[in-house]
Amino acid sequence: MRSRKNDLVTARQVEDLASSILQRSLQWVDVGTKCTVVVVLRVLFFAAARTASIFDACRHLADAPCDQAVRNALFGWLGSDMPELERRLNRALRAKLPKGLFGRRRRRWPMAVDTSDIAYYGRPWRRTRELRRGKRKAGTTRFHCYGTLYVVAHGQRFTVALTYVWKDDTNLTTLVRLMRYAAQIGLHPRYLLLDRGFYSLPVVQYLQAARYAFLMPVIHRGKKSKRPLAQLRGTRRFLAWKRAGWATHVMDNRKTRRSVRVCVSFPRRQGQSRQRRKRRRRRERPLVYIYWGFQPPSPAWVREHYRRRYGIESSYRQMNQARARTCSRKPVLRLLLVGIALVLRNVWVWLHHQMLGRIRGRSIELHLEQLRLRTMLLMLQHGIEACVGCSESRHPPEIPPLGSTTGPPV
């Protein structure tokens, strides 16, 4: 058994690990002697650590090539083949997954699927299907959208698949694509934790046909009726429940029907008396979930285990902390920057799993305070500055003395 005492993480280790993963997965070839793969990756890592652009990274690195040379090299490597870049980035995401996920006695793990929208303020590059419309956020209704698959194993949360979501892609096509990437590496979910946006009959039909257990919240569609909730036939009738429990619901769109199980739960209220919890529950709106393929032990278990899906929201926030910015309209470059950010986050999770975690029996005790993601990015930034050189220092302008007539006119 390996010891994890006095393990130190250096900037050189972080850079070598991330660089080796991307070099093997992307399979780029050096362009001349100045824009080598290592140099370009260092520029991208520096921009990701500072959440800045390629122009800003080249401006602040002394021995780096100019930003136009880096972009020319990137566009030559990337081309316009989005599916090929997507496959290579997925190869990079699964490069450092724990071996226990793929052993002969591999277990099935809970997985979460969701999409992330990144605001966009320009026009599409070539086709209108590159941008998706959505609810106004950050001053725009146009977004570049990305779908990810997220696995939770022994407390370690890895992003294992990434896909670009086009305008004409439905939630079903996004889910099918992500599950196909997972099946290629031998990952099978114990159950899928899905966002409420995936609540639809085609998605349920696919999951039941593929034998994937799932858990997702219910969307109460349709207009509100003036009749009492208990007299309604749709999913709104579950909102009239005063106690947690189980039921069966039939989803029907006049072409096909699927039967699913329903769990009704209530938010947990700590630090309250029993009578106050009862009075509050009468006024609260219950939480309604549908599930299939497994039997949860209790409604409280459903409520608490569905909260694991919120980890994928945290992964998006961390992705934005390590995502370089760009004004380019090419979606292939934007996909590359998102993929690099997710790879850096996977490296951070792997370091805690392999070096900073403490073995406690069959489990691993995590100490995230020893290395935060932002700290790792700062280490990466300073390590690249030490290798390439930093030219951030600027001499302040000379200020003329008081009463001098050589200064600028007022």
Protein backbone atom coordinates (compact mmCIF):
# COMPACT_ATOMS: atom_id res chain seq x y z
CA MET A 1 0.00 0.00 0.00
CA ARG A 2 1.44 3.35 -0.98
CA SER A 3 1.94 6.05 1.60
CA ARG A 4 0.42 9.46 1.05
CA LYS A 5 2.29 11.30 3.78
CA ASN A 6 4.37 14.37 2.94
CA ASP A 7 3.30 14.31 -0.70
CA LEU A 8 3.98 17.66 -2.32
CA VAL A 9 2.56 18.94 -5.58
CA THR A 10 4.74 21.25 -7.66
CA ALA A 11 3.95 23.45 -10.62
CA ARG A 12 6.23 21.33 -12.78
CA GLN A 13 4.22 18.20 -11.97
CA VAL A 14 0.93 19.90 -12.83
CA GLU A 15 2.26 21.20 -16.15
CA ASP A 16 3.90 17.90 -17.14
CA LEU A 17 0.79 15.91 -16.29
CA ALA A 18 -1.63 18.16 -18.18
CA SER A 19 0.76 18.58 -21.12
CA SER A 20 1.40 14.84 -21.49
CA ILE A 21 -2.34 14.09 -21.45
CA LEU A 22 -3.11 16.63 -24.16
CA GLN A 23 -0.10 15.76 -26.33
CA ARG A 24 -1.04 12.08 -26.43
CA SER A 25 -4.72 12.78 -27.00
CA LEU A 26 -4.64 15.69 -29.46
CA GLN A 27 -1.74 14.25 -31.53
CA TRP A 28 -0.47 17.61 -32.73
CA VAL A 29 2.79 17.99 -34.69
CA ASP A 30 5.27 20.83 -34.22
CA VAL A 31 5.02 23.77 -36.60
CA GLY A 32 8.54 25.10 -37.09
CA THR A 33 10.93 25.73 -34.22
CA LYS A 34 9.03 28.56 -32.53
CA CYS A 35 5.44 27.30 -32.34
CA THR A 36 6.05 23.84 -30.97
CA VAL A 37 3.28 21.86 -29.28
CA VAL A 38 4.84 22.39 -25.85
CA VAL A 39 5.08 26.16 -26.33
CA VAL A 40 1.50 26.49 -27.59
CA LEU A 41 0.19 24.38 -24.69
CA ARG A 42 2.07 26.59 -22.26
CA VAL A 43 0.44 29.66 -23.77
CA LEU A 44 -2.98 28.00 -23.48
CA PHE A 45 -2.32 26.93 -19.89
CA PHE A 46 -1.17 30.44 -19.00
CA ALA A 47 -4.30 31.95 -20.55
CA ALA A 48 -6.47 29.39 -18.73
CA ALA A 49 -4.82 30.08 -15.37
CA ARG A 50 -5.37 33.83 -15.78
CA THR A 51 -8.82 33.41 -17.43
CA ALA A 52 -7.39 35.66 -20.13
CA SER A 53 -7.04 35.53 -23.90
CA ILE A 54 -4.26 34.16 -26.09
CA PHE A 55 -3.28 37.73 -26.94
CA ASP A 56 -2.90 38.57 -23.25
CA ALA A 57 -0.85 35.41 -22.59
CA CYS A 58 1.56 36.10 -25.47
CA ARG A 59 1.89 39.72 -24.38
CA HIS A 60 2.92 38.78 -20.85
CA LEU A 61 5.22 35.85 -21.67
CA ALA A 62 8.67 37.09 -22.68
CA ASP A 63 9.86 34.21 -24.89
CA ALA A 64 6.47 33.20 -26.31
CA PRO A 65 5.63 33.69 -30.01
CA CYS A 66 3.19 36.37 -31.04
CA ASP A 67 -0.53 35.75 -30.67
CA GLN A 68 -1.10 35.54 -34.42
CA ALA A 69 1.51 32.79 -34.78
CA VAL A 70 -0.16 30.81 -31.98
CA ARG A 71 -3.59 31.21 -33.57
CA ASN A 72 -2.26 30.19 -36.99
CA ALA A 73 -0.75 27.05 -35.45
CA LEU A 74 -3.99 26.25 -33.63
CA PHE A 75 -6.17 26.74 -36.69
CA GLY A 76 -3.82 24.56 -38.70
CA TRP A 77 -4.07 21.75 -36.14
CA LEU A 78 -7.79 22.08 -35.50
CA GLY A 79 -9.15 22.72 -38.98
CA SER A 80 -12.93 22.59 -38.96
CA ASP A 81 -13.51 18.96 -37.98
CA MET A 82 -15.56 19.28 -34.80
CA PRO A 83 -16.32 15.54 -34.37
CA GLU A 84 -12.62 14.63 -34.54
CA LEU A 85 -11.66 17.26 -31.97
CA GLU A 86 -14.52 16.07 -29.77
CA ARG A 87 -13.24 12.49 -29.88
CA ARG A 88 -9.69 13.59 -29.01
CA LEU A 89 -10.85 15.73 -26.10
CA ASN A 90 -12.89 12.83 -24.75
CA ARG A 91 -9.75 10.71 -25.01
CA ALA A 92 -7.97 13.32 -22.87
CA LEU A 93 -10.78 13.40 -20.28
CA ARG A 94 -10.57 9.67 -19.63
CA ALA A 95 -6.75 9.55 -19.58
CA LYS A 96 -6.38 9.70 -15.78
CA LEU A 97 -9.52 8.02 -14.51
CA PRO A 98 -9.11 5.64 -11.55
CA LYS A 99 -8.32 2.08 -12.58
CA GLY A 100 -11.10 0.78 -10.33
CA LEU A 101 -13.63 2.08 -12.84
CA PHE A 102 -12.37 -0.26 -15.54
CA GLY A 103 -11.20 -3.37 -13.67
CA ARG A 104 -12.68 -6.83 -14.07
CA ARG A 105 -14.76 -6.33 -10.96
CA ARG A 106 -15.72 -2.79 -11.83
CA ARG A 107 -18.75 -1.42 -10.07
CA ARG A 108 -21.39 0.79 -11.53
CA TRP A 109 -21.33 4.38 -10.37
CA PRO A 110 -23.90 7.17 -10.24
CA MET A 111 -23.56 9.52 -13.19
CA ALA A 112 -24.98 12.94 -13.96
CA VAL A 113 -25.70 14.54 -17.33
CA ASP A 114 -26.27 18.24 -17.93
CA THR A 115 -25.57 21.06 -20.37
CA SER A 116 -23.72 24.34 -19.85
CA ASP A 117 -24.44 27.53 -21.78
CA ILE A 118 -21.67 30.07 -22.39
CA ALA A 119 -22.90 33.50 -23.38
CA TYR A 120 -22.06 34.72 -26.89
CA TYR A 121 -22.56 38.22 -28.29
CA GLY A 122 -21.56 37.94 -31.95
CA ARG A 123 -22.73 36.31 -35.13
CA PRO A 124 -22.21 32.64 -35.95
CA TRP A 125 -19.08 31.69 -37.85
CA ARG A 126 -20.52 29.72 -40.74
CA ARG A 127 -23.88 28.22 -39.81
CA THR A 128 -26.72 29.42 -37.63
CA ARG A 129 -26.95 26.01 -35.97
CA GLU A 130 -23.76 26.80 -34.04
CA LEU A 131 -25.71 28.95 -31.56
CA ARG A 132 -28.60 28.01 -29.33
CA ARG A 133 -31.26 30.41 -28.14
CA GLY A 134 -32.30 30.44 -24.53
CA LYS A 135 -33.48 32.49 -21.63
CA ARG A 136 -31.69 35.82 -21.34
CA LYS A 137 -28.54 35.54 -19.28
CA ALA A 138 -25.54 37.87 -19.04
CA GLY A 139 -27.21 40.26 -21.46
CA THR A 140 -27.76 37.84 -24.35
CA THR A 141 -30.05 35.07 -25.54
CA ARG A 142 -27.45 33.31 -27.72
CA PHE A 143 -25.12 30.70 -26.33
CA HIS A 144 -22.53 28.12 -27.21
CA CYS A 145 -23.78 25.00 -25.47
CA TYR A 146 -21.79 21.99 -24.20
CA GLY A 147 -23.00 18.73 -22.68
CA THR A 148 -20.97 16.74 -20.16
CA LEU A 149 -21.17 13.39 -18.40
CA TYR A 150 -20.03 13.34 -14.80
CA VAL A 151 -19.25 10.31 -12.62
CA VAL A 152 -19.02 10.08 -8.83
CA ALA A 153 -16.67 7.34 -7.58
CA HIS A 154 -15.45 7.17 -3.97
CA GLY A 155 -16.18 10.87 -3.57
CA GLN A 156 -14.09 11.70 -6.67
CA ARG A 157 -16.00 13.63 -9.30
CA PHE A 158 -14.58 13.22 -12.79
CA THR A 159 -15.88 14.61 -16.07
CA VAL A 160 -15.67 11.65 -18.45
CA ALA A 161 -17.36 12.89 -21.64
CA LEU A 162 -17.89 16.16 -23.49
CA THR A 163 -19.94 17.04 -26.54
CA TYR A 164 -20.82 20.19 -28.45
CA VAL A 165 -24.59 20.80 -28.52
CA TRP A 166 -25.83 22.22 -31.80
CA LYS A 167 -28.98 24.25 -32.26
CA ASP A 168 -30.95 21.35 -33.77
CA ASP A 169 -29.78 18.86 -31.12
CA THR A 170 -32.44 17.74 -28.68
CA ASN A 171 -31.84 16.57 -25.14
CA LEU A 172 -32.26 13.03 -26.42
CA THR A 173 -29.51 13.30 -29.07
CA THR A 174 -27.17 14.92 -26.53
CA LEU A 175 -27.83 12.15 -24.02
CA VAL A 176 -27.35 9.40 -26.61
CA ARG A 177 -24.04 10.88 -27.73
CA LEU A 178 -22.69 11.14 -24.18
CA MET A 179 -23.76 7.63 -23.24
CA ARG A 180 -22.11 6.31 -26.40
CA TYR A 181 -18.82 7.90 -25.33
CA ALA A 182 -19.19 6.29 -21.89
CA ALA A 183 -19.93 2.87 -23.37
CA GLN A 184 -16.79 3.05 -25.53
CA ILE A 185 -14.61 3.07 -22.41
CA GLY A 186 -16.66 0.48 -20.53
CA LEU A 187 -18.50 2.82 -18.17
CA HIS A 188 -22.07 1.85 -17.29
CA PRO A 189 -24.12 3.91 -14.85
CA ARG A 190 -25.63 2.55 -11.70
CA TYR A 191 -28.27 5.19 -12.23
CA LEU A 192 -28.40 8.48 -14.11
CA LEU A 193 -29.15 11.76 -12.35
CA LEU A 194 -30.76 14.02 -14.92
CA ASP A 195 -31.80 17.64 -14.90
CA ARG A 196 -35.47 18.50 -15.18
CA GLY A 197 -34.83 19.68 -18.74
CA PHE A 198 -34.54 16.00 -19.74
CA TYR A 199 -38.05 15.24 -18.52
CA SER A 200 -39.76 14.08 -21.72
CA LEU A 201 -41.27 10.90 -23.08
CA PRO A 202 -38.61 10.31 -25.80
CA VAL A 203 -35.83 10.46 -23.18
CA VAL A 204 -37.68 8.05 -20.88
CA GLN A 205 -38.37 5.73 -23.80
CA TYR A 206 -34.67 5.64 -24.75
CA LEU A 207 -33.49 5.06 -21.18
CA GLN A 208 -35.90 2.18 -20.65
CA ALA A 209 -34.98 0.61 -23.99
CA ALA A 210 -31.24 0.90 -23.17
CA ARG A 211 -31.84 -0.45 -19.63
CA TYR A 212 -30.42 2.65 -17.93
CA ALA A 213 -31.81 3.33 -14.46
CA PHE A 214 -32.54 7.01 -13.91
CA LEU A 215 -33.81 9.61 -11.47
CA MET A 216 -35.06 13.06 -12.45
CA PRO A 217 -37.50 15.70 -11.18
CA VAL A 218 -40.92 16.17 -12.73
CA ILE A 219 -41.99 19.19 -14.76
CA HIS A 220 -45.63 20.10 -14.17
CA ARG A 221 -46.70 21.17 -17.66
CA GLY A 222 -49.96 22.72 -18.73
CA LYS A 223 -52.04 25.59 -17.47
CA LYS A 224 -52.99 25.82 -13.85
CA SER A 225 -56.53 24.65 -13.23
CA LYS A 226 -59.03 26.21 -10.87
CA ARG A 227 -60.03 22.77 -9.65
CA PRO A 228 -58.42 21.34 -6.51
CA LEU A 229 -55.09 19.63 -7.09
CA ALA A 230 -56.37 16.32 -5.79
CA GLN A 231 -58.93 16.16 -8.63
CA LEU A 232 -56.36 16.58 -11.42
CA ARG A 233 -55.02 13.64 -13.42
CA GLY A 234 -51.58 14.85 -14.48
CA THR A 235 -48.48 15.24 -12.38
CA ARG A 236 -50.01 18.23 -10.60
CA ARG A 237 -52.07 15.87 -8.48
CA PHE A 238 -48.90 14.95 -6.58
CA LEU A 239 -48.60 18.55 -5.40
CA ALA A 240 -51.66 17.97 -3.20
CA TRP A 241 -49.87 15.32 -1.14
CA LYS A 242 -49.20 16.16 2.49
CA ARG A 243 -46.93 13.19 3.16
CA ALA A 244 -44.03 11.62 1.33
CA GLY A 245 -44.77 8.46 -0.57
CA TRP A 246 -44.73 6.45 -3.80
CA ALA A 247 -46.99 6.24 -6.84
CA THR A 248 -47.10 5.18 -10.48
CA HIS A 249 -47.48 7.57 -13.39
CA VAL A 250 -48.11 6.86 -17.08
CA MET A 251 -46.52 9.24 -19.57
CA ASP A 252 -48.61 9.45 -22.74
CA ASN A 253 -48.24 11.57 -25.90
CA ARG A 254 -51.02 9.82 -27.89
CA LYS A 255 -48.41 7.81 -29.82
CA THR A 256 -46.65 5.83 -27.13
CA ARG A 257 -46.96 5.27 -23.40
CA ARG A 258 -44.39 4.59 -20.70
CA SER A 259 -44.98 3.77 -17.06
CA VAL A 260 -42.61 5.19 -14.43
CA ARG A 261 -42.51 5.25 -10.66
CA VAL A 262 -43.04 8.51 -8.76
CA CYS A 263 -41.49 9.56 -5.47
CA VAL A 264 -42.92 12.47 -3.49
CA SER A 265 -40.62 13.99 -0.88
CA PHE A 266 -40.38 17.18 1.15
CA PRO A 267 -37.44 19.50 1.82
CA ARG A 268 -35.49 18.70 4.94
CA ARG A 269 -35.80 21.20 7.74
CA GLN A 270 -33.22 20.95 10.50
CA GLY A 271 -33.38 22.58 13.90
CA GLN A 272 -37.18 22.82 14.00
CA SER A 273 -39.68 21.24 16.33
CA ARG A 274 -41.90 18.44 15.13
CA GLN A 275 -45.06 20.54 15.25
CA ARG A 276 -43.42 23.39 13.35
CA ARG A 277 -42.19 20.98 10.67
CA LYS A 278 -45.75 19.67 10.28
CA ARG A 279 -47.19 23.18 9.91
CA ARG A 280 -44.47 24.14 7.45
CA ARG A 281 -45.01 20.97 5.40
CA ARG A 282 -48.66 21.85 4.93
CA ARG A 283 -47.61 25.05 3.16
CA GLU A 284 -44.57 23.69 1.32
CA ARG A 285 -44.62 22.43 -2.21
CA PRO A 286 -43.52 18.78 -2.35
CA LEU A 287 -40.59 17.57 -4.44
CA VAL A 288 -41.77 15.17 -7.13
CA TYR A 289 -39.32 12.78 -8.86
CA ILE A 290 -39.70 9.97 -11.36
CA TYR A 291 -37.39 6.95 -11.36
CA TRP A 292 -37.02 3.62 -13.08
CA GLY A 293 -34.72 0.60 -12.94
CA PHE A 294 -34.12 0.49 -9.17
CA GLN A 295 -36.02 0.80 -5.92
CA PRO A 296 -34.94 3.58 -3.54
CA PRO A 297 -35.15 2.72 0.18
CA SER A 298 -36.99 5.89 1.20
CA PRO A 299 -38.18 9.27 -0.13
CA ALA A 300 -35.51 10.96 1.99
CA TRP A 301 -32.86 8.84 0.23
CA VAL A 302 -34.18 10.05 -3.15
CA ARG A 303 -34.01 13.67 -2.06
CA GLU A 304 -30.51 13.42 -0.62
CA HIS A 305 -29.00 11.32 -3.43
CA TYR A 306 -30.41 13.55 -6.13
CA ARG A 307 -28.40 16.36 -4.56
CA ARG A 308 -25.27 14.60 -5.86
CA ARG A 309 -26.22 15.91 -9.28
CA TYR A 310 -25.44 19.43 -8.11
CA GLY A 311 -21.77 18.50 -8.27
CA ILE A 312 -21.94 18.86 -12.04
CA GLU A 313 -23.00 22.49 -11.53
CA SER A 314 -19.89 22.97 -9.39
CA SER A 315 -17.79 21.45 -12.19
CA TYR A 316 -19.13 24.13 -14.55
CA ARG A 317 -18.15 26.88 -12.13
CA GLN A 318 -14.68 25.38 -11.83
CA MET A 319 -14.50 25.01 -15.60
CA ASN A 320 -15.12 28.75 -15.96
CA GLN A 321 -12.31 29.41 -13.47
CA ALA A 322 -9.90 27.58 -15.79
CA ARG A 323 -11.30 28.55 -19.20
CA ALA A 324 -9.34 30.91 -21.41
CA ARG A 325 -11.37 33.67 -23.04
CA THR A 326 -11.55 34.39 -26.75
CA CYS A 327 -13.33 36.65 -29.20
CA SER A 328 -13.02 34.14 -32.02
CA ARG A 329 -16.23 33.08 -33.74
CA LYS A 330 -14.89 29.62 -34.55
CA PRO A 331 -16.70 27.04 -32.40
CA VAL A 332 -13.80 24.60 -32.81
CA LEU A 333 -11.47 26.92 -30.88
CA ARG A 334 -14.10 27.52 -28.21
CA LEU A 335 -14.57 23.77 -27.82
CA LEU A 336 -10.81 23.35 -27.39
CA LEU A 337 -10.68 25.94 -24.59
CA VAL A 338 -13.60 24.28 -22.79
CA GLY A 339 -11.93 20.87 -23.15
CA ILE A 340 -8.62 22.17 -21.74
CA ALA A 341 -10.45 23.65 -18.76
CA LEU A 342 -12.14 20.32 -18.02
CA VAL A 343 -8.83 18.46 -18.40
CA LEU A 344 -7.20 20.80 -15.88
CA ARG A 345 -10.07 20.17 -13.50
CA ASN A 346 -9.68 16.40 -13.92
CA VAL A 347 -5.96 16.80 -13.18
CA TRP A 348 -6.87 18.60 -9.96
CA VAL A 349 -9.23 15.76 -8.94
CA TRP A 350 -6.59 13.15 -9.85
CA LEU A 351 -3.96 14.88 -7.69
CA HIS A 352 -6.25 14.68 -4.68
CA HIS A 353 -7.02 11.04 -5.46
CA GLN A 354 -3.46 9.86 -5.99
CA MET A 355 -1.24 12.19 -3.94
CA LEU A 356 -3.09 14.32 -1.41
CA GLY A 357 -5.78 11.91 -0.23
CA ARG A 358 -5.34 9.74 2.87
CA ILE A 359 -6.14 6.03 2.73
CA ARG A 360 -8.66 5.04 5.37
CA GLY A 361 -9.39 1.35 4.95
CA ARG A 362 -11.04 0.91 1.56
CA SER A 363 -11.91 4.57 1.15
CA ILE A 364 -9.92 7.75 0.55
CA GLU A 365 -10.20 10.71 2.87
CA LEU A 366 -10.00 13.95 0.93
CA HIS A 367 -8.45 17.19 2.14
CA LEU A 368 -9.42 19.74 -0.47
CA GLU A 369 -8.06 22.58 1.65
CA GLN A 370 -4.52 21.38 0.88
CA LEU A 371 -4.84 22.32 -2.79
CA ARG A 372 -7.69 24.39 -4.12
CA LEU A 373 -8.28 24.56 -7.85
CA ARG A 374 -7.47 28.25 -7.92
CA THR A 375 -4.22 27.56 -6.06
CA MET A 376 -3.25 24.91 -8.60
CA LEU A 377 -3.90 27.36 -11.44
CA LEU A 378 -1.72 29.99 -9.76
CA MET A 379 1.03 27.40 -9.36
CA LEU A 380 0.70 26.57 -13.05
CA GLN A 381 0.89 30.23 -13.99
CA HIS A 382 4.02 30.90 -11.93
CA GLY A 383 5.69 27.73 -13.21
CA ILE A 384 5.15 28.78 -16.82
CA GLU A 385 6.44 32.26 -16.02
CA ALA A 386 9.62 30.70 -14.63
CA CYS A 387 10.13 28.62 -17.80
CA VAL A 388 9.14 31.10 -20.50
CA GLY A 389 9.83 34.36 -18.73
CA CYS A 390 7.49 37.13 -17.70
CA SER A 391 7.39 40.61 -19.21
CA GLU A 392 4.62 42.12 -17.10
CA SER A 393 6.82 44.79 -15.55
CA ARG A 394 6.19 48.19 -17.07
CA HIS A 395 8.07 51.39 -16.24
CA PRO A 396 5.71 54.09 -15.01
CA PRO A 397 5.61 57.28 -17.08
CA GLU A 398 7.76 60.13 -15.88
CA ILE A 399 5.77 62.79 -14.05
CA PRO A 400 7.07 66.35 -14.56
CA PRO A 401 7.69 68.42 -11.43
CA LEU A 402 5.17 70.92 -10.22
CA GLY A 403 5.28 74.23 -12.04
CA SER A 404 6.95 72.76 -15.11
CA THR A 405 5.72 73.83 -18.54
CA THR A 406 6.81 70.62 -20.28
CA GLY A 407 3.73 68.69 -19.27
CA PRO A 408 0.68 68.10 -21.44
CA PRO A 409 -1.63 71.06 -22.01
CA VAL A 410 -4.59 71.34 -19.72
